Protein backbone atom coordinates (compact mmCIF):
# COMPACT_ATOMS: atom_id res chain seq x y z
CA UNK A 1 10.38 185.37 -66.76
CA UNK A 2 13.50 186.64 -65.02
CA UNK A 3 16.66 184.84 -66.12
CA UNK A 4 20.15 185.06 -64.68
CA UNK A 5 23.16 184.32 -66.86
CA UNK A 6 26.46 183.58 -65.12
CA UNK A 7 29.25 184.20 -67.59
CA UNK A 8 29.01 186.98 -70.18
CA UNK A 9 31.37 185.48 -72.75
CA UNK A 10 30.44 184.24 -76.22
CA UNK A 11 27.98 181.53 -75.12
CA UNK A 12 26.35 183.32 -72.19
CA UNK A 13 25.87 186.59 -74.04
CA UNK A 14 24.57 184.90 -77.19
CA UNK A 15 22.09 182.87 -75.14
CA UNK A 16 20.91 186.04 -73.41
CA UNK A 17 20.61 187.83 -76.75
CA UNK A 18 18.59 184.95 -78.24
CA UNK A 19 16.21 184.98 -75.27
CA UNK A 20 15.69 188.72 -75.68
CA UNK A 21 15.11 188.57 -79.44
CA UNK A 22 12.64 185.70 -79.06
CA UNK A 23 10.80 187.35 -76.19
CA UNK A 24 11.50 184.43 -73.87
CA UNK A 25 12.79 186.52 -70.97
CA UNK A 26 11.22 189.69 -69.59
CA UNK A 27 14.34 190.41 -67.55
CA UNK A 28 17.95 189.24 -67.99
CA UNK A 29 20.73 189.77 -65.45
CA UNK A 30 24.32 189.16 -66.62
CA UNK A 31 26.84 188.27 -63.92
CA UNK A 32 30.53 187.92 -64.71
CA UNK A 33 33.78 188.18 -62.79
CA UNK A 34 34.69 190.75 -65.43
CA UNK A 35 32.06 193.34 -64.54
CA UNK A 36 33.16 195.60 -67.41
CA UNK A 37 32.44 192.82 -69.92
CA UNK A 38 29.03 192.13 -68.42
CA UNK A 39 28.18 195.82 -68.46
CA UNK A 40 29.24 196.19 -72.09
CA UNK A 41 27.22 193.14 -73.16
CA UNK A 42 24.14 194.38 -71.29
CA UNK A 43 24.40 197.85 -72.80
CA UNK A 44 24.80 196.45 -76.31
CA UNK A 45 21.72 194.22 -75.84
CA UNK A 46 19.75 197.11 -74.41
CA UNK A 47 20.11 198.87 -77.74
CA UNK A 48 18.43 195.89 -79.45
CA UNK A 49 15.27 196.14 -77.31
CA UNK A 50 13.55 198.70 -79.61
CA UNK A 51 13.76 196.07 -82.37
CA UNK A 52 12.57 193.13 -80.25
CA UNK A 53 9.93 192.26 -77.62
CA UNK A 54 10.17 194.46 -74.56
CA UNK A 55 12.61 193.30 -71.88
CA UNK A 56 15.00 194.58 -69.24
CA UNK A 57 18.69 193.67 -69.39
CA UNK A 58 21.37 194.65 -66.93
CA UNK A 59 24.72 193.66 -65.51
CA UNK A 60 24.58 192.73 -61.86
CA UNK A 61 25.91 190.69 -58.97
CA UNK A 62 24.65 187.49 -57.38
CA UNK A 63 22.11 189.32 -55.21
CA UNK A 64 20.48 190.61 -58.40
CA UNK A 65 19.48 187.02 -59.22
CA UNK A 66 16.71 187.11 -56.61
CA UNK A 67 13.42 186.11 -58.17
CA UNK A 68 15.01 184.41 -61.19
CA UNK A 69 13.14 181.33 -62.38
CA UNK A 70 16.10 180.18 -64.46
CA UNK A 71 19.84 180.63 -64.04
CA UNK A 72 22.11 179.75 -66.96
CA UNK A 73 25.60 178.64 -65.93
CA UNK A 74 27.87 179.64 -68.80
CA UNK A 75 30.88 180.39 -66.63
CA UNK A 76 34.24 178.70 -66.51
CA UNK A 77 37.60 178.73 -68.21
CA UNK A 78 38.72 177.83 -71.72
CA UNK A 79 41.01 174.96 -72.60
CA UNK A 80 44.73 175.80 -72.65
CA UNK A 81 47.04 174.48 -75.40
CA UNK A 82 48.14 170.96 -74.47
CA UNK A 83 45.66 170.75 -71.59
CA UNK A 84 43.79 167.47 -71.20
CA UNK A 85 40.01 167.28 -70.95
CA UNK A 86 40.31 166.11 -67.35
CA UNK A 87 42.58 169.04 -66.45
CA UNK A 88 40.04 171.43 -67.97
CA UNK A 89 37.27 169.72 -66.01
CA UNK A 90 39.26 170.06 -62.79
CA UNK A 91 39.72 173.81 -63.29
CA UNK A 92 36.06 174.35 -64.23
CA UNK A 93 34.91 172.25 -61.28
CA UNK A 94 36.82 174.67 -59.03
CA UNK A 95 34.96 177.60 -60.63
CA UNK A 96 31.59 175.92 -60.14
CA UNK A 97 32.37 175.17 -56.49
CA UNK A 98 32.47 178.93 -55.96
CA UNK A 99 29.57 179.89 -58.22
CA UNK A 100 26.87 177.32 -57.41
CA UNK A 101 26.46 178.09 -53.67
CA UNK A 102 26.17 181.83 -54.45
CA UNK A 103 23.50 181.18 -57.08
CA UNK A 104 21.45 178.92 -54.82
CA UNK A 105 21.70 181.38 -51.95
CA UNK A 106 20.07 184.11 -54.03
CA UNK A 107 17.77 182.05 -56.29
CA UNK A 108 16.93 178.87 -54.34
CA UNK A 109 13.84 178.07 -56.43
CA UNK A 110 15.44 178.52 -59.86
CA UNK A 111 16.08 175.83 -62.42
CA UNK A 112 19.82 175.64 -63.14
CA UNK A 113 20.89 175.21 -66.77
CA UNK A 114 24.52 174.14 -67.27
CA UNK A 115 26.01 175.02 -70.66
CA UNK A 116 29.75 175.18 -69.92
CA UNK A 117 31.89 172.32 -71.21
CA UNK A 118 32.40 169.49 -70.62
CA UNK A 119 28.68 169.91 -70.07
CA UNK A 120 27.70 166.39 -68.94
CA UNK A 121 30.48 166.17 -66.37
CA UNK A 122 29.75 169.67 -65.07
CA UNK A 123 26.02 168.88 -64.91
CA UNK A 124 26.89 165.85 -62.78
CA UNK A 125 29.16 167.97 -60.55
CA UNK A 126 26.58 170.76 -60.16
CA UNK A 127 24.00 168.15 -59.14
CA UNK A 128 26.35 167.01 -56.37
CA UNK A 129 27.22 170.55 -55.29
CA UNK A 130 23.75 172.06 -55.38
CA UNK A 131 21.88 169.74 -53.01
CA UNK A 132 18.75 170.33 -55.08
CA UNK A 133 16.40 167.85 -56.77
CA UNK A 134 18.27 166.50 -59.80
CA UNK A 135 15.26 167.38 -61.96
CA UNK A 136 16.01 171.10 -61.48
CA UNK A 137 19.54 170.82 -62.87
CA UNK A 138 19.61 170.57 -66.65
CA UNK A 139 22.61 170.41 -68.92
CA UNK A 140 22.23 171.65 -72.49
CA UNK A 141 23.63 168.24 -73.37
CA UNK A 142 23.05 167.07 -76.93
CA UNK A 143 20.33 169.58 -77.76
CA UNK A 144 22.76 171.19 -80.23
CA UNK A 145 24.00 167.86 -81.61
CA UNK A 146 20.38 166.82 -82.16
CA UNK A 147 19.76 170.07 -84.03
CA UNK A 148 22.84 169.44 -86.18
CA UNK A 149 21.69 165.89 -86.92
CA UNK A 150 18.22 167.07 -87.95
CA UNK A 151 19.61 169.93 -90.04
CA UNK A 152 22.03 167.73 -92.00
CA UNK A 153 19.50 164.94 -92.46
CA UNK A 154 16.92 167.47 -93.66
CA UNK A 155 19.37 168.83 -96.23
CA UNK A 156 20.06 165.32 -97.50
CA UNK A 157 16.35 164.56 -97.79
CA UNK A 158 15.45 168.02 -99.20
CA UNK A 159 12.89 168.83 -96.48
CA UNK A 160 12.68 171.32 -93.63
CA UNK A 161 14.42 170.25 -90.44
CA UNK A 162 11.14 170.92 -88.59
CA UNK A 163 9.76 167.75 -90.20
CA UNK A 164 12.64 165.58 -88.95
CA UNK A 165 12.50 163.65 -85.68
CA UNK A 166 15.92 162.25 -84.81
CA UNK A 167 18.00 162.30 -81.64
CA UNK A 168 21.60 162.30 -80.48
CA UNK A 169 22.05 160.72 -77.03
CA UNK A 170 24.84 160.10 -74.55
CA UNK A 171 27.78 162.44 -74.12
CA UNK A 172 27.94 165.86 -75.72
CA UNK A 173 31.27 164.98 -77.23
CA UNK A 174 33.20 162.35 -79.12
CA UNK A 175 31.28 159.35 -77.76
CA UNK A 176 27.81 160.72 -78.58
CA UNK A 177 25.39 158.39 -80.36
CA UNK A 178 23.30 159.34 -83.40
CA UNK A 179 20.10 157.31 -83.22
CA UNK A 180 19.45 156.29 -86.82
CA UNK A 181 17.24 153.32 -86.01
CA UNK A 182 14.24 155.39 -84.84
CA UNK A 183 14.70 158.51 -87.01
CA UNK A 184 11.52 159.72 -88.70
CA UNK A 185 10.52 162.30 -91.28
CA UNK A 186 6.92 163.41 -91.58
CA UNK A 187 5.84 160.62 -89.24
CA UNK A 188 7.40 157.94 -91.46
CA UNK A 189 10.42 155.82 -90.56
CA UNK A 190 13.47 157.26 -92.28
CA UNK A 191 13.89 154.31 -94.65
CA UNK A 192 10.25 154.52 -95.78
CA UNK A 193 10.45 158.26 -96.37
CA UNK A 194 13.74 157.94 -98.23
CA UNK A 195 12.28 155.24 -100.49
CA UNK A 196 9.19 157.32 -101.30
CA UNK A 197 11.20 160.42 -102.25
CA UNK A 198 13.82 158.28 -104.00
CA UNK A 199 16.69 159.44 -101.82
CA UNK A 200 18.10 156.25 -100.28
CA UNK A 201 20.20 156.66 -97.14
CA UNK A 202 23.40 154.81 -97.96
CA UNK A 203 26.23 153.92 -95.60
CA UNK A 204 28.23 156.71 -97.22
CA UNK A 205 25.52 159.26 -96.43
CA UNK A 206 25.24 158.04 -92.84
CA UNK A 207 29.00 158.34 -92.41
CA UNK A 208 29.04 161.85 -93.88
CA UNK A 209 26.22 163.05 -91.62
CA UNK A 210 27.75 161.36 -88.58
CA UNK A 211 31.06 163.08 -89.28
CA UNK A 212 29.27 166.38 -89.92
CA UNK A 213 27.56 166.21 -86.53
CA UNK A 214 30.41 164.77 -84.50
CA UNK A 215 33.11 167.10 -85.85
CA UNK A 216 31.03 170.28 -86.18
CA UNK A 217 32.51 171.98 -83.13
CA UNK A 218 36.08 171.29 -84.24
CA UNK A 219 35.45 172.82 -87.67
CA UNK A 220 33.69 175.89 -86.29
CA UNK A 221 36.28 176.50 -83.58
CA UNK A 222 39.05 176.21 -86.17
CA UNK A 223 37.37 178.85 -88.32
CA UNK A 224 36.10 181.33 -85.70
CA UNK A 225 37.55 180.27 -82.33
CA UNK A 226 34.24 179.36 -80.65
CA UNK A 227 30.72 178.06 -81.23
CA UNK A 228 27.90 180.17 -79.85
CA UNK A 229 25.03 180.81 -82.30
CA UNK A 230 23.68 177.26 -82.25
CA UNK A 231 23.96 176.80 -78.50
CA UNK A 232 22.64 180.33 -77.93
CA UNK A 233 19.46 179.37 -79.78
CA UNK A 234 19.37 176.11 -77.82
CA UNK A 235 19.50 178.03 -74.53
CA UNK A 236 16.54 180.14 -75.65
CA UNK A 237 14.63 177.00 -76.69
CA UNK A 238 15.13 175.40 -73.29
CA UNK A 239 14.24 178.63 -71.52
CA UNK A 240 10.94 178.81 -73.41
CA UNK A 241 10.08 175.23 -72.42
CA UNK A 242 10.69 176.15 -68.78
CA UNK A 243 8.86 179.49 -68.91
CA UNK A 244 5.74 178.05 -70.54
CA UNK A 245 5.78 174.69 -68.71
CA UNK A 246 5.80 173.42 -72.26
CA UNK A 247 6.61 169.77 -71.51
CA UNK A 248 8.67 169.56 -74.67
CA UNK A 249 10.74 166.46 -75.41
CA UNK A 250 14.35 167.63 -75.68
CA UNK A 251 17.69 165.83 -75.46
CA UNK A 252 19.10 167.41 -72.32
CA UNK A 253 21.69 166.16 -69.87
CA UNK A 254 20.53 165.20 -66.41
CA UNK A 255 21.76 163.01 -63.56
CA UNK A 256 18.46 161.18 -63.09
CA UNK A 257 18.98 158.06 -65.19
CA UNK A 258 15.97 155.81 -65.71
CA UNK A 259 17.21 153.01 -68.02
CA UNK A 260 18.56 150.33 -65.66
CA UNK A 261 21.57 149.42 -67.79
CA UNK A 262 23.13 152.89 -67.56
CA UNK A 263 25.38 154.00 -64.67
CA UNK A 264 24.46 156.99 -62.45
CA UNK A 265 26.08 159.83 -64.38
CA UNK A 266 24.64 162.85 -66.20
CA UNK A 267 24.15 162.33 -69.94
CA UNK A 268 21.58 163.16 -72.59
CA UNK A 269 18.40 161.24 -73.30
CA UNK A 270 15.05 162.46 -74.62
CA UNK A 271 13.43 164.14 -71.64
CA UNK A 272 10.19 166.01 -70.95
CA UNK A 273 11.12 169.55 -69.90
CA UNK A 274 8.75 171.92 -68.11
CA UNK A 275 8.61 174.66 -65.49
CA UNK A 276 10.37 172.63 -62.79
CA UNK A 277 13.02 171.16 -65.06
CA UNK A 278 13.05 167.51 -66.12
CA UNK A 279 9.62 165.97 -65.61
CA UNK A 280 10.40 162.54 -67.00
CA UNK A 281 13.06 160.61 -68.90
CA UNK A 282 12.20 158.57 -71.97
CA UNK A 283 13.76 155.30 -73.07
CA UNK A 284 14.47 155.68 -76.79
CA UNK A 285 14.17 152.72 -79.10
CA UNK A 286 17.73 151.75 -79.95
CA UNK A 287 19.37 149.12 -82.09
CA UNK A 288 21.72 146.68 -80.34
CA UNK A 289 24.71 148.63 -81.65
CA UNK A 290 23.29 151.98 -80.51
CA UNK A 291 22.53 150.57 -77.07
CA UNK A 292 26.09 149.30 -76.76
CA UNK A 293 27.53 152.66 -77.86
CA UNK A 294 25.32 154.52 -75.36
CA UNK A 295 26.49 152.29 -72.52
CA UNK A 296 30.11 152.88 -73.53
CA UNK A 297 29.50 156.64 -73.58
CA UNK A 298 27.97 156.51 -70.10
CA UNK A 299 30.82 154.48 -68.63
CA UNK A 300 33.36 156.86 -70.14
CA UNK A 301 31.63 159.79 -68.43
CA UNK A 302 31.41 157.88 -65.16
CA UNK A 303 35.14 157.15 -65.19
CA UNK A 304 35.87 160.87 -65.58
CA UNK A 305 33.70 162.01 -62.65
CA UNK A 306 35.02 159.22 -60.45
CA UNK A 307 38.60 160.32 -61.18
CA UNK A 308 37.67 163.75 -59.83
CA UNK A 309 36.11 162.26 -56.72
CA UNK A 310 32.45 162.83 -57.65
């Protein structure tokens, strides 16, 4: 599968590298306003090909996206000191207004994957700008938050995270919702599993895991300036679901909202992802409190896009 990556910074390059190492992409084209950066990243990745599945990787321009089945949008600007979230969104929206038409012109049949932040708001904006079926525009959403939730819960329960089924829904950000009520391990409800292995999930444990998930980005950015390994792996996971028409259930952001109580704004819910993007949206079983928190998260996102005129 040919994949285009717009933005060769930490996130875009790490996502491209993960796709190459995992053999997800047969061809990767890096496009960046800083052509020297894109070229350097492509050359560095090229030297990894002898140690990984065969692939082609190159720096290019928009016309080199022709034939891409997936285009990852990892472009945009970073947040300035003292800058508000809405100001950052306004500047990134201006970037996407320039990028999206160029991408669609060259790769009109591609699925678009938004990974730049704030990802839900930019996914919503790209959906408005692209004039494509909403199903073909996917935000990475809470796929990383879900992975963090499963990893921390697995550590607490002393099992592999592959045996944990638990989701984070809503905004990829401060208002996200960890869905404890339907979490499972090994096919058992969390409470039943915890009782059998004699590791009860107390309110203190829930608070610690919630804080660990919700504040992960802040801690990582404080220590190393950016987060990119986790989301890079998430990009590769989504790309594989698209390449193989896998129909995997993943918590991605999308503007097609099915639950009637939620406003029309992009946010994350469990969704079936395949070759043409989002195939269906699931309605997770939520407690009353979780449902209320999800609605609050959605309305917060809606207020932000409305303030920008979208």
